[in-house]
Amino acid sequence: MAFYVYILKCYIEGEFRCYYVGQTEDITERMKYHYNAVKNHDTDKYTGRFDFVKLIWKRKVPTRADALRLE
């Protein structure tokens, strides 16, 4: 099974605030998770604190260990 490492740019009021780096085995579901956190302003989730997040980079790697090292 492959894993992904990814970087999101996080924005508040149209201004860049920070990057978020993560790893997952299902990039599509993980992005839905982040977008839903933003949409619902779910501040219990890190990305829920922002008005907008944008996927700017991802890389597929063969193992979770590789993903954790790259993250």
C-alpha atoms as a PDB file:
ATOM      1  CA  MET A   1       0.000   0.000   0.000  1.00  0.00           C
ATOM      2  CA  ALA A   2       1.298   3.469  -0.882  1.00  0.00           C
ATOM      3  CA  PHE A   3       1.255   6.556   1.328  1.00  0.00           C
ATOM      4  CA  TYR A   4       1.276  10.260   0.571  1.00  0.00           C
ATOM      5  CA  VAL A   5       3.044  13.173   2.188  1.00  0.00           C
ATOM      6  CA  TYR A   6       1.426  16.521   1.459  1.00  0.00           C
ATOM      7  CA  ILE A   7       1.663  20.240   2.170  1.00  0.00           C
ATOM      8  CA  LEU A   8      -1.275  22.651   2.502  1.00  0.00           C
ATOM      9  CA  LYS A   9      -1.082  26.432   2.455  1.00  0.00           C
ATOM     10  CA  CYS A  10      -3.449  27.881   5.060  1.00  0.00           C
ATOM     11  CA  TYR A  11      -5.132  31.273   4.709  1.00  0.00           C
ATOM     12  CA  ILE A  12      -7.134  33.625   6.937  1.00  0.00           C
ATOM     13  CA  GLU A  13      -8.978  36.563   5.336  1.00  0.00           C
ATOM     14  CA  GLY A  14      -7.183  35.923   2.057  1.00  0.00           C
ATOM     15  CA  GLU A  15      -3.693  36.124   3.573  1.00  0.00           C
ATOM     16  CA  PHE A  16      -1.231  33.245   3.819  1.00  0.00           C
ATOM     17  CA  ARG A  17      -0.630  32.263   7.454  1.00  0.00           C
ATOM     18  CA  CYS A  18       1.217  28.945   7.569  1.00  0.00           C
ATOM     19  CA  TYR A  19       1.844  25.545   6.054  1.00  0.00           C
ATOM     20  CA  TYR A  20       0.375  22.251   7.223  1.00  0.00           C
ATOM     21  CA  VAL A  21       2.344  19.052   6.547  1.00  0.00           C
ATOM     22  CA  GLY A  22       0.746  15.636   6.836  1.00  0.00           C
ATOM     23  CA  GLN A  23       0.816  12.039   5.650  1.00  0.00           C
ATOM     24  CA  THR A  24      -1.986   9.650   4.743  1.00  0.00           C
ATOM     25  CA  GLU A  25      -2.753   6.457   2.882  1.00  0.00           C
ATOM     26  CA  ASP A  26      -5.774   8.027   1.108  1.00  0.00           C
ATOM     27  CA  ILE A  27      -5.085  11.549  -0.161  1.00  0.00           C
ATOM     28  CA  THR A  28      -8.618  12.048  -1.528  1.00  0.00           C
ATOM     29  CA  GLU A  29     -10.306  11.252   1.793  1.00  0.00           C
ATOM     30  CA  ARG A  30      -7.764  13.256   3.755  1.00  0.00           C
ATOM     31  CA  MET A  31      -8.365  16.341   1.606  1.00  0.00           C
ATOM     32  CA  LYS A  32     -12.126  15.951   2.144  1.00  0.00           C
ATOM     33  CA  TYR A  33     -11.398  15.865   5.877  1.00  0.00           C
ATOM     34  CA  HIS A  34      -9.405  19.125   5.696  1.00  0.00           C
ATOM     35  CA  TYR A  35     -11.913  20.885   3.416  1.00  0.00           C
ATOM     36  CA  ASN A  36     -14.798  19.876   5.697  1.00  0.00           C
ATOM     37  CA  ALA A  37     -12.938  21.162   8.758  1.00  0.00           C
ATOM     38  CA  VAL A  38     -12.505  24.531   7.021  1.00  0.00           C
ATOM     39  CA  LYS A  39     -16.080  24.648   5.735  1.00  0.00           C
ATOM     40  CA  ASN A  40     -17.526  23.836   9.162  1.00  0.00           C
ATOM     41  CA  HIS A  41     -15.015  26.025  11.054  1.00  0.00           C
ATOM     42  CA  ASP A  42     -14.240  22.980  13.176  1.00  0.00           C
ATOM     43  CA  THR A  43     -11.609  24.521  15.429  1.00  0.00           C
ATOM     44  CA  ASP A  44     -11.014  21.167  17.127  1.00  0.00           C
ATOM     45  CA  LYS A  45      -9.204  20.327  13.885  1.00  0.00           C
ATOM     46  CA  TYR A  46      -6.070  22.333  13.020  1.00  0.00           C
ATOM     47  CA  THR A  47      -7.186  23.311   9.520  1.00  0.00           C
ATOM     48  CA  GLY A  48     -10.633  24.287  10.829  1.00  0.00           C
ATOM     49  CA  ARG A  49      -9.059  27.482  12.162  1.00  0.00           C
ATOM     50  CA  PHE A  50      -8.531  28.763   8.630  1.00  0.00           C
ATOM     51  CA  ASP A  51     -10.786  30.257   5.955  1.00  0.00           C
ATOM     52  CA  PHE A  52      -9.126  28.393   3.096  1.00  0.00           C
ATOM     53  CA  VAL A  53      -6.531  25.664   2.575  1.00  0.00           C
ATOM     54  CA  LYS A  54      -4.855  24.765  -0.693  1.00  0.00           C
ATOM     55  CA  LEU A  55      -2.960  21.586  -1.549  1.00  0.00           C
ATOM     56  CA  ILE A  56       0.358  22.788  -2.954  1.00  0.00           C
ATOM     57  CA  TRP A  57       2.476  19.617  -2.936  1.00  0.00           C
ATOM     58  CA  LYS A  58       2.157  15.859  -2.572  1.00  0.00           C
ATOM     59  CA  ARG A  59       4.430  12.881  -3.047  1.00  0.00           C
ATOM     60  CA  LYS A  60       3.598   9.192  -3.158  1.00  0.00           C
ATOM     61  CA  VAL A  61       5.943   6.882  -1.258  1.00  0.00           C
ATOM     62  CA  PRO A  62       5.846   3.095  -0.828  1.00  0.00           C
ATOM     63  CA  THR A  63       5.641   2.770   2.979  1.00  0.00           C
ATOM     64  CA  ARG A  64       4.384   4.599   6.073  1.00  0.00           C
ATOM     65  CA  ALA A  65       7.954   4.668   7.373  1.00  0.00           C
ATOM     66  CA  ASP A  66       9.013   6.522   4.205  1.00  0.00           C
ATOM     67  CA  ALA A  67       6.088   8.939   4.655  1.00  0.00           C
ATOM     68  CA  LEU A  68       6.990   9.640   8.268  1.00  0.00           C
ATOM     69  CA  ARG A  69      10.638  10.283   7.365  1.00  0.00           C
ATOM     70  CA  LEU A  70       9.665  12.645   4.547  1.00  0.00           C
ATOM     71  CA  GLU A  71       7.069  14.424   6.650  1.00  0.00           C
END
